[in-house]
Amino acid sequence: MTHDRPAAATAAPALTLPRDLWRQIAGGAPDTGTLRLLRTARAGRNLLLLRAAHHASRTTPDGGRDSGTATALLAAVRHRAPAVFDTLVTDPATGVLLAEAVRSGRRDPVAVLAAVAAHRAGIPFRLELPVRHGVVDLPGLGRATLDPAAGTARVERDPQGTTTVTAPGTPAAVRIPDLPDPRDPPQPAESAAEPAPGWEPLPQVLLPARRPGPAPVIRLDAHGPLEADAPRALGARELARWRDRLGAAWELLADRHPGRADAVRGTVRAVVPLGPRPPGPPGGTRGAWLSASFSDAFGLVALAPVDDPAELAAALVHETQHSLLYALQDLTRLLDARPGARGHAPWSDRPRPPSALLQGAAAFLVTAGFWRREAALGRPDARAPYERWRRTARLACDELERGGWLTDNGHRLLDALRDVLADWDNGLEPGA
């Protein structure tokens, strides 16, 4: 399910589209070069949004209060800790914050992002950040709870390496711990640091090392950009269950779907845990959504608490494909449709825009591919979802062809989707 620069930048080399890009995307298993290209595309988009937000803040009476300081701080992070800066500009939380700021004009995200980046980089700083409803949100890190009447808070990191948040009416400073690397050996229980009062960190999940390369780390972001569930903290028991669910789904992907596992590992940075799904209506059609992704949040997946590893793995594959298409459309136009254009969506009871049809065709195709592989590996109940989602993808492709909305590159992607379907008709297995 989908929902629809601080310093002078050096000229970036032109990005070229690999000849086999369309086939890789259609198969749901792009190689490392293509994944790198798509991450670079999203980083470029977020840098442009950051520059737009910075310029907008300079034209408002109070929005530019800390803009110059924050911009200089981001430039310092980019120079002294380029890996931290690169991680920041590709983070899904950054994409959401910047896009919302540019659209609404109500927020200045530059200081917020500068505080996050400088904290991660270990660079001393002092910035004033907005307090909303008694909370300072630091995307990708967590949130500090302050006096509800406070309008602003001071966030600073001293030369000794301690970052704190202070605000009028809050009796004590809230300390922001440095983010531990989950790949480090665990500390003994008696030496582990107690949670900082007033600070709610975003937990991280280290997935099993089942593939060559570093084990994936996924952030559980209960403060994600959701329209359905309110932000909430995860209790210890719920957190443990999410670790188990994601670990089991990842093991299944890595062992049985290696190409798609690499796509998930190279794309997904954060998971938003949804609440339990209510029972579906009679007839077996689910009334609640199992998963979702967001166009501004490349690499973020919202998931319902599903305990079947295969079902959760299929949702990860499906939403990863959405993220890949969002980034692909940062590189090239795939659609040229008139405003208000709509077409029949085989998964919905209402007409959907061409962008949703294209997203659905590609995402349901890789979902079908996942279940096709499961059926080939002997899972007895995999044939039904494979046939269902294959038919859904085929009907969406037909609707896109009839609509006349595709650009030349859009037709290249559609041709690649149809090639996968033709391979299946001929008993072939494109990708894994």
Protein backbone atom coordinates (compact mmCIF):
# COMPACT_ATOMS: atom_id res chain seq x y z
CA MET A 1 0.00 0.00 0.00
CA THR A 2 1.39 3.42 -0.91
CA HIS A 3 0.71 6.97 0.18
CA ASP A 4 0.74 9.31 -2.05
CA ARG A 5 21.62 22.30 0.18
CA PRO A 6 23.22 23.79 3.14
CA ALA A 7 26.57 24.71 1.52
CA ALA A 8 27.54 25.41 -2.05
CA ALA A 9 27.28 22.02 -3.72
CA THR A 10 29.81 20.74 -6.17
CA ALA A 11 28.51 19.67 -9.53
CA ALA A 12 27.50 16.02 -9.43
CA PRO A 13 28.31 13.74 -12.33
CA ALA A 14 25.37 12.98 -14.60
CA LEU A 15 23.54 9.82 -13.67
CA THR A 16 23.04 7.33 -16.47
CA LEU A 17 20.48 4.56 -16.48
CA PRO A 18 21.95 1.06 -16.83
CA ARG A 19 20.77 -0.79 -19.92
CA ASP A 20 19.28 -3.62 -17.86
CA LEU A 21 17.78 -1.35 -15.20
CA TRP A 22 14.19 -2.06 -16.24
CA ARG A 23 14.62 -5.82 -16.08
CA GLN A 24 16.30 -5.58 -12.67
CA ILE A 25 13.49 -3.46 -11.24
CA ALA A 26 10.78 -5.68 -12.74
CA GLY A 27 12.38 -8.77 -11.21
CA GLY A 28 12.65 -7.19 -7.77
CA ALA A 29 16.35 -8.04 -7.41
CA PRO A 30 18.46 -5.05 -8.55
CA ASP A 31 22.21 -5.44 -8.22
CA THR A 32 24.40 -3.36 -5.91
CA GLY A 33 25.18 -0.80 -8.60
CA THR A 34 21.51 -0.16 -9.32
CA LEU A 35 20.69 0.07 -5.61
CA ARG A 36 23.51 2.59 -5.21
CA LEU A 37 22.19 4.59 -8.14
CA LEU A 38 18.70 4.75 -6.64
CA ARG A 39 19.99 5.78 -3.21
CA THR A 40 22.04 8.52 -4.92
CA ALA A 41 18.92 9.71 -6.72
CA ARG A 42 17.00 10.02 -3.47
CA ALA A 43 19.93 11.76 -1.79
CA GLY A 44 19.92 14.33 -4.59
CA ARG A 45 16.20 14.93 -4.14
CA ASN A 46 16.59 15.43 -0.40
CA LEU A 47 19.50 17.83 -0.91
CA LEU A 48 17.34 19.94 -3.21
CA LEU A 49 14.56 19.93 -0.62
CA LEU A 50 17.07 20.92 2.06
CA ARG A 51 18.22 23.88 -0.02
CA ALA A 52 14.61 24.93 -0.66
CA ALA A 53 13.78 24.70 3.05
CA HIS A 54 16.84 26.75 3.92
CA HIS A 55 15.99 29.49 1.44
CA ALA A 56 12.37 29.55 2.65
CA SER A 57 13.47 29.93 6.27
CA ARG A 58 15.55 32.99 5.39
CA THR A 59 12.48 34.81 4.08
CA THR A 60 10.33 34.37 7.23
CA PRO A 61 10.61 36.66 10.29
CA ASP A 62 11.43 33.92 12.80
CA GLY A 63 12.17 30.89 10.63
CA GLY A 64 15.76 31.89 9.98
CA ARG A 65 16.68 32.44 13.61
CA ASP A 66 19.18 29.58 13.63
CA SER A 67 19.26 28.87 9.92
CA GLY A 68 22.73 30.29 9.30
CA THR A 69 24.24 28.51 12.30
CA ALA A 70 22.52 25.26 11.38
CA THR A 71 23.63 25.49 7.77
CA ALA A 72 27.23 26.04 8.81
CA LEU A 73 26.95 23.08 11.19
CA LEU A 74 25.64 20.81 8.45
CA ALA A 75 28.51 21.93 6.23
CA ALA A 76 30.95 21.06 9.02
CA VAL A 77 29.42 17.59 9.39
CA ARG A 78 29.60 17.07 5.63
CA HIS A 79 33.30 17.98 5.69
CA ARG A 80 34.38 16.21 8.89
CA ALA A 81 32.07 13.18 8.90
CA PRO A 82 30.88 12.60 5.31
CA ALA A 83 29.50 9.14 6.12
CA VAL A 84 27.24 10.66 8.79
CA PHE A 85 26.04 13.31 6.35
CA ASP A 86 25.39 10.76 3.63
CA THR A 87 23.41 8.61 6.06
CA LEU A 88 21.37 11.65 7.08
CA VAL A 89 20.37 12.73 3.58
CA THR A 90 19.21 9.23 2.60
CA ASP A 91 17.33 8.58 5.84
CA PRO A 92 13.55 8.15 5.31
CA ALA A 93 12.82 10.43 8.28
CA THR A 94 14.84 13.18 6.60
CA GLY A 95 12.85 12.85 3.41
CA VAL A 96 9.55 13.17 5.27
CA LEU A 97 10.68 16.15 7.38
CA LEU A 98 12.00 18.07 4.38
CA ALA A 99 9.06 17.36 2.10
CA GLU A 100 6.53 18.40 4.75
CA ALA A 101 8.47 21.58 5.48
CA VAL A 102 8.68 22.61 1.83
CA ARG A 103 5.00 21.88 1.20
CA SER A 104 3.65 23.59 4.30
CA GLY A 105 6.15 26.38 4.84
CA ARG A 106 5.44 26.07 8.56
CA ARG A 107 8.62 24.40 9.79
CA ASP A 108 12.32 24.99 9.54
CA PRO A 109 13.90 21.52 9.43
CA VAL A 110 17.47 22.71 8.90
CA ALA A 111 18.23 23.17 12.60
CA VAL A 112 16.60 19.85 13.50
CA LEU A 113 18.67 17.95 10.93
CA ALA A 114 21.82 19.82 11.93
CA ALA A 115 21.32 18.79 15.55
CA VAL A 116 20.84 15.14 14.57
CA ALA A 117 23.89 15.17 12.28
CA ALA A 118 26.19 16.95 14.74
CA HIS A 119 25.14 14.63 17.57
CA ARG A 120 25.90 11.59 15.43
CA ALA A 121 29.21 13.09 14.30
CA GLY A 122 30.28 14.10 17.82
CA ILE A 123 30.65 17.79 16.93
CA PRO A 124 29.89 20.37 19.68
CA PHE A 125 26.95 22.67 18.87
CA ARG A 126 24.14 24.76 20.34
CA LEU A 127 20.81 25.25 18.59
CA GLU A 128 17.26 26.34 19.41
CA LEU A 129 14.62 23.85 18.23
CA PRO A 130 10.82 24.06 18.27
CA VAL A 131 8.86 22.19 20.94
CA ARG A 132 5.51 20.82 19.83
CA HIS A 133 3.07 19.41 22.35
CA GLY A 134 5.86 19.13 24.88
CA VAL A 135 8.13 17.11 22.63
CA VAL A 136 11.30 17.69 20.61
CA ASP A 137 11.55 15.12 17.83
CA LEU A 138 15.00 14.28 16.50
CA PRO A 139 14.36 12.15 13.38
CA GLY A 140 16.15 8.83 13.42
CA LEU A 141 17.24 9.26 17.06
CA GLY A 142 14.18 9.64 19.29
CA ARG A 143 12.26 12.27 21.20
CA ALA A 144 12.73 14.36 24.34
CA THR A 145 9.71 15.02 26.56
CA LEU A 146 9.64 18.53 28.02
CA ASP A 147 7.24 20.94 29.69
CA PRO A 148 4.08 21.13 27.52
CA ALA A 149 4.08 24.92 27.76
CA ALA A 150 7.57 25.30 26.29
CA GLY A 151 7.76 26.78 22.80
CA THR A 152 11.47 26.23 22.14
CA ALA A 153 14.26 24.14 23.58
CA ARG A 154 18.01 24.42 23.54
CA VAL A 155 19.86 21.39 22.23
CA GLU A 156 23.60 21.42 22.74
CA ARG A 157 26.59 19.11 22.78
CA ASP A 158 29.52 20.11 24.97
CA PRO A 159 33.19 19.46 24.22
CA GLN A 160 33.12 16.49 26.61
CA GLY A 161 30.63 14.71 24.34
CA THR A 162 27.35 15.11 26.26
CA THR A 163 24.24 16.20 24.35
CA THR A 164 21.34 17.67 26.34
CA VAL A 165 17.96 19.29 25.77
CA THR A 166 16.78 22.06 28.08
CA ALA A 167 13.57 24.10 28.05
CA PRO A 168 11.78 26.56 30.33
CA GLY A 169 9.60 24.76 32.85
CA THR A 170 11.50 21.47 32.53
CA PRO A 171 13.33 20.97 35.84
CA ALA A 172 16.24 18.93 34.53
CA ALA A 173 18.11 18.67 31.28
CA VAL A 174 17.24 15.68 29.12
CA ARG A 175 20.40 13.81 28.09
CA ILE A 176 20.58 12.28 24.61
CA PRO A 177 22.85 9.22 24.71
CA ASP A 178 25.10 8.42 21.80
CA LEU A 179 23.48 5.86 19.52
CA PRO A 180 25.04 2.44 20.18
CA ASP A 181 26.09 0.30 17.28
CA PRO A 182 23.99 -2.90 17.56
CA ARG A 183 26.84 -4.79 15.88
CA ASP A 184 29.07 -4.17 18.91
CA PRO A 185 29.26 -6.94 21.53
CA PRO A 186 26.47 -6.50 24.09
CA GLN A 187 27.36 -4.93 27.40
CA PRO A 188 26.98 -6.98 30.59
CA ALA A 189 23.65 -6.24 32.22
CA GLU A 190 25.29 -4.75 35.30
CA SER A 191 27.25 -2.20 33.24
CA ALA A 192 24.54 -1.27 30.74
CA ALA A 193 23.48 2.37 30.95
CA GLU A 194 20.02 3.13 32.33
CA PRO A 195 17.60 4.86 29.96
CA ALA A 196 18.02 8.64 30.15
CA PRO A 197 15.05 10.25 31.94
CA GLY A 198 12.85 12.13 29.50
CA TRP A 199 14.47 10.55 26.44
CA GLU A 200 12.72 7.94 24.30
CA PRO A 201 15.18 6.39 21.83
CA LEU A 202 14.22 4.60 18.65
CA PRO A 203 15.26 0.97 19.05
CA GLN A 204 17.33 -0.83 16.45
CA VAL A 205 17.06 -4.43 15.33
CA LEU A 206 20.15 -6.33 14.23
CA LEU A 207 18.98 -8.99 11.80
CA PRO A 208 20.72 -12.38 11.53
CA ALA A 209 23.86 -12.42 9.38
CA ARG A 210 22.59 -14.88 6.78
CA ARG A 211 24.06 -13.21 3.67
CA PRO A 212 27.60 -12.11 2.76
CA GLY A 213 28.34 -8.63 4.03
CA PRO A 214 27.35 -6.81 7.22
CA ALA A 215 24.22 -7.91 9.02
CA PRO A 216 21.32 -5.53 8.35
CA VAL A 217 20.24 -3.03 11.00
CA ILE A 218 16.64 -1.80 10.93
CA ARG A 219 15.27 0.99 13.08
CA LEU A 220 11.86 0.51 14.69
CA ASP A 221 10.37 3.95 14.20
CA ALA A 222 7.15 4.23 16.20
CA HIS A 223 7.12 7.97 15.36
CA GLY A 224 6.93 7.39 11.62
CA PRO A 225 4.83 9.30 9.05
CA LEU A 226 1.55 7.48 9.50
CA GLU A 227 -2.01 8.48 8.82
CA ALA A 228 -3.46 5.44 10.58
CA ASP A 229 -1.69 4.89 13.90
CA ALA A 230 -0.71 7.51 16.47
CA PRO A 231 2.96 7.57 17.56
CA ARG A 232 3.52 5.30 20.52
CA ALA A 233 6.33 3.78 22.51
CA LEU A 234 7.02 0.06 22.23
CA GLY A 235 7.05 -1.85 25.48
CA ALA A 236 9.79 -4.39 26.16
CA ARG A 237 7.56 -7.36 25.32
CA GLU A 238 6.28 -5.82 22.08
CA LEU A 239 9.81 -4.83 21.08
CA ALA A 240 11.03 -8.39 21.64
CA ARG A 241 8.21 -9.76 19.50
CA TRP A 242 9.08 -7.37 16.68
CA ARG A 243 12.72 -8.45 16.86
CA ASP A 244 11.62 -12.08 16.57
CA ARG A 245 9.22 -11.38 13.69
CA LEU A 246 11.70 -9.39 11.65
CA GLY A 247 14.51 -11.84 12.36
CA ALA A 248 12.42 -14.81 11.19
CA ALA A 249 11.23 -12.97 8.06
CA TRP A 250 14.81 -11.97 7.22
CA GLU A 251 16.11 -15.52 7.68
CA LEU A 252 13.46 -16.80 5.28
CA LEU A 253 14.31 -14.13 2.71
CA ALA A 254 18.05 -14.65 2.96
CA ASP A 255 17.83 -18.44 2.74
CA ARG A 256 15.08 -18.80 0.09
CA HIS A 257 15.04 -15.49 -1.86
CA PRO A 258 18.65 -14.24 -1.92
CA GLY A 259 18.22 -11.63 -4.67
CA ARG A 260 15.18 -10.08 -3.06
CA ALA A 261 16.88 -10.24 0.34
CA ASP A 262 19.73 -8.12 -1.02
CA ALA A 263 17.19 -5.58 -2.31
CA VAL A 264 15.56 -5.38 1.12
CA ARG A 265 18.92 -5.06 2.86
CA GLY A 266 20.03 -2.33 0.46
CA THR A 267 16.81 -0.34 0.82
CA VAL A 268 14.93 -0.73 4.10
CA ARG A 269 16.25 1.46 6.92
CA ALA A 270 13.21 1.75 9.20
CA VAL A 271 10.07 -0.18 10.06
CA VAL A 272 7.00 1.52 11.53
CA PRO A 273 5.15 -1.05 13.68
CA LEU A 274 1.40 -0.87 13.11
CA GLY A 275 -1.16 -1.95 15.65
CA PRO A 276 -2.88 -5.34 15.41
CA ARG A 277 -5.17 -5.80 12.42
CA PRO A 278 -8.86 -6.03 13.21
CA PRO A 279 -10.64 -9.11 11.83
CA GLY A 280 -11.57 -8.77 8.17
CA PRO A 281 -15.15 -8.81 6.91
CA PRO A 282 -16.90 -12.08 5.98
CA GLY A 283 -15.55 -13.67 2.84
CA GLY A 284 -11.88 -13.46 3.75
CA THR A 285 -11.13 -9.97 2.38
CA ARG A 286 -8.99 -8.07 4.85
CA GLY A 287 -10.40 -4.76 6.01
CA ALA A 288 -7.08 -3.43 7.36
CA TRP A 289 -3.81 -2.94 5.54
CA LEU A 290 -0.90 -5.27 6.08
CA SER A 291 1.86 -2.88 5.03
CA ALA A 292 2.46 0.55 3.56
CA SER A 293 5.17 2.79 2.15
CA PHE A 294 5.42 6.53 1.59
CA SER A 295 6.78 8.40 -1.41
CA ASP A 296 8.80 10.84 0.71
CA ALA A 297 10.25 8.09 2.92
CA PHE A 298 12.55 5.98 0.76
CA GLY A 299 13.49 2.92 2.81
CA LEU A 300 10.67 3.08 5.36
CA VAL A 301 8.08 0.31 5.64
CA ALA A 302 5.00 0.21 7.86
CA LEU A 303 4.12 -3.33 8.90
CA ALA A 304 1.26 -4.97 10.76
CA PRO A 305 2.31 -7.45 13.48
CA VAL A 306 2.16 -10.61 11.38
CA ASP A 307 3.66 -13.74 12.92
CA ASP A 308 3.93 -15.81 9.72
CA PRO A 309 7.53 -15.21 8.53
CA ALA A 310 6.61 -15.75 4.88
CA GLU A 311 3.73 -13.29 4.98
CA LEU A 312 5.89 -10.66 6.66
CA ALA A 313 8.74 -11.32 4.22
CA ALA A 314 6.33 -10.89 1.30
CA ALA A 315 5.25 -7.54 2.74
CA LEU A 316 8.89 -6.43 3.02
CA VAL A 317 9.50 -7.40 -0.62
CA HIS A 318 6.34 -5.61 -1.75
CA GLU A 319 7.11 -2.35 0.07
CA THR A 320 10.78 -2.42 -0.95
CA GLN A 321 9.61 -2.41 -4.56
CA HIS A 322 7.54 0.70 -3.88
CA SER A 323 10.61 2.48 -2.46
CA LEU A 324 12.69 1.49 -5.49
CA LEU A 325 10.09 2.95 -7.84
CA TYR A 326 9.88 6.17 -5.83
CA ALA A 327 13.63 6.60 -6.22
CA LEU A 328 13.53 5.61 -9.89
CA GLN A 329 11.06 8.43 -10.49
CA ASP A 330 13.59 10.83 -8.95
CA LEU A 331 15.76 9.91 -11.95
CA THR A 332 13.29 9.86 -14.82
CA ARG A 333 9.65 10.50 -15.64
CA LEU A 334 7.68 7.32 -16.15
CA LEU A 335 4.23 8.92 -16.59
CA ASP A 336 2.76 11.81 -18.54
CA ALA A 337 -0.89 11.83 -17.52
CA ARG A 338 -3.37 14.68 -17.43
CA PRO A 339 -4.43 15.92 -13.95
CA GLY A 340 -7.27 13.85 -12.58
CA ALA A 341 -6.60 10.82 -14.79
CA ARG A 342 -7.87 7.59 -13.27
CA GLY A 343 -7.97 3.91 -14.22
CA HIS A 344 -9.35 0.65 -12.88
CA ALA A 345 -7.18 -0.87 -10.14
CA PRO A 346 -7.72 -4.62 -9.76
CA TRP A 347 -6.88 -4.47 -6.05
CA SER A 348 -9.27 -1.60 -5.23
CA ASP A 349 -12.97 -0.84 -5.51
CA ARG A 350 -12.32 2.72 -6.68
CA PRO A 351 -10.41 4.17 -9.66
CA ARG A 352 -6.79 5.05 -8.98
CA PRO A 353 -4.36 7.51 -10.59
CA PRO A 354 -1.83 6.20 -13.12
CA SER A 355 0.99 6.54 -10.57
CA ALA A 356 -0.79 4.11 -8.24
CA LEU A 357 -1.43 1.71 -11.11
CA LEU A 358 2.25 1.70 -12.05
CA GLN A 359 3.31 1.22 -8.45
CA GLY A 360 0.77 -1.58 -8.04
CA ALA A 361 1.78 -3.37 -11.22
CA ALA A 362 5.43 -3.47 -10.16
CA ALA A 363 4.88 -4.22 -6.46
CA PHE A 364 2.27 -6.93 -6.94
CA LEU A 365 4.47 -8.53 -9.59
CA VAL A 366 7.37 -8.99 -7.16
CA THR A 367 4.88 -10.18 -4.54
CA ALA A 368 3.70 -12.81 -7.01
CA GLY A 369 7.33 -13.70 -7.69
CA PHE A 370 7.93 -14.21 -3.99
CA TRP A 371 5.01 -16.64 -3.69
CA ARG A 372 5.97 -18.37 -6.94
CA ARG A 373 9.35 -19.11 -5.45
CA GLU A 374 7.74 -20.32 -2.22
CA ALA A 375 5.51 -22.67 -4.23
CA ALA A 376 8.54 -24.02 -6.11
CA LEU A 377 10.26 -24.64 -2.75
CA GLY A 378 7.34 -26.72 -1.56
CA ARG A 379 5.11 -24.40 0.47
CA PRO A 380 1.65 -25.91 -0.09
CA ASP A 381 -0.41 -22.73 0.39
CA ALA A 382 1.76 -20.48 -1.82
CA ARG A 383 0.10 -21.25 -5.14
CA ALA A 384 -3.09 -19.28 -4.38
CA PRO A 385 -1.37 -15.96 -3.52
CA TYR A 386 0.95 -16.40 -6.49
CA GLU A 387 -1.97 -16.75 -8.90
CA ARG A 388 -3.87 -13.92 -7.26
CA TRP A 389 -1.06 -11.39 -7.40
CA ARG A 390 0.13 -12.49 -10.85
CA ARG A 391 -3.37 -11.82 -12.17
CA THR A 392 -3.46 -8.47 -10.33
CA ALA A 393 -0.16 -7.39 -11.86
CA ARG A 394 -1.23 -8.48 -15.34
CA LEU A 395 -4.51 -6.54 -15.13
CA ALA A 396 -2.68 -3.43 -13.90
CA CYS A 397 -0.25 -3.70 -16.82
CA ASP A 398 -3.19 -3.96 -19.22
CA GLU A 399 -4.80 -0.85 -17.71
CA LEU A 400 -1.55 1.11 -18.03
CA GLU A 401 -1.27 0.10 -21.68
CA ARG A 402 -4.85 1.20 -22.40
CA GLY A 403 -4.50 4.49 -20.56
CA GLY A 404 -1.77 5.94 -22.76
CA TRP A 405 -0.11 7.60 -19.76
CA LEU A 406 3.41 6.20 -20.06
CA THR A 407 6.55 8.00 -21.21
CA ASP A 408 9.19 6.18 -23.26
CA ASN A 409 10.91 5.02 -20.07
CA GLY A 410 7.54 4.13 -18.59
CA HIS A 411 6.98 1.84 -21.58
CA ARG A 412 10.41 0.31 -21.01
CA LEU A 413 9.43 -0.54 -17.46
CA LEU A 414 6.05 -1.89 -18.59
CA ASP A 415 7.75 -4.05 -21.22
CA ALA A 416 10.07 -5.45 -18.54
CA LEU A 417 7.10 -6.26 -16.30
CA ARG A 418 5.39 -8.06 -19.18
CA ASP A 419 8.62 -9.96 -19.93
CA VAL A 420 8.60 -11.35 -16.39
CA LEU A 421 4.99 -12.45 -16.80
CA ALA A 422 5.86 -14.08 -20.14
CA ASP A 423 8.77 -15.94 -18.55
CA TRP A 424 6.42 -17.31 -15.92
CA ASP A 425 3.97 -18.39 -18.61
CA ASN A 426 6.87 -20.28 -20.20
CA GLY A 427 7.92 -21.88 -16.91
CA LEU A 428 11.02 -19.75 -16.41
CA GLU A 429 12.18 -18.17 -13.13
CA PRO A 430 13.52 -14.60 -13.65
CA GLY A 431 15.37 -13.63 -10.49
CA ALA A 432 14.99 -14.99 -6.99
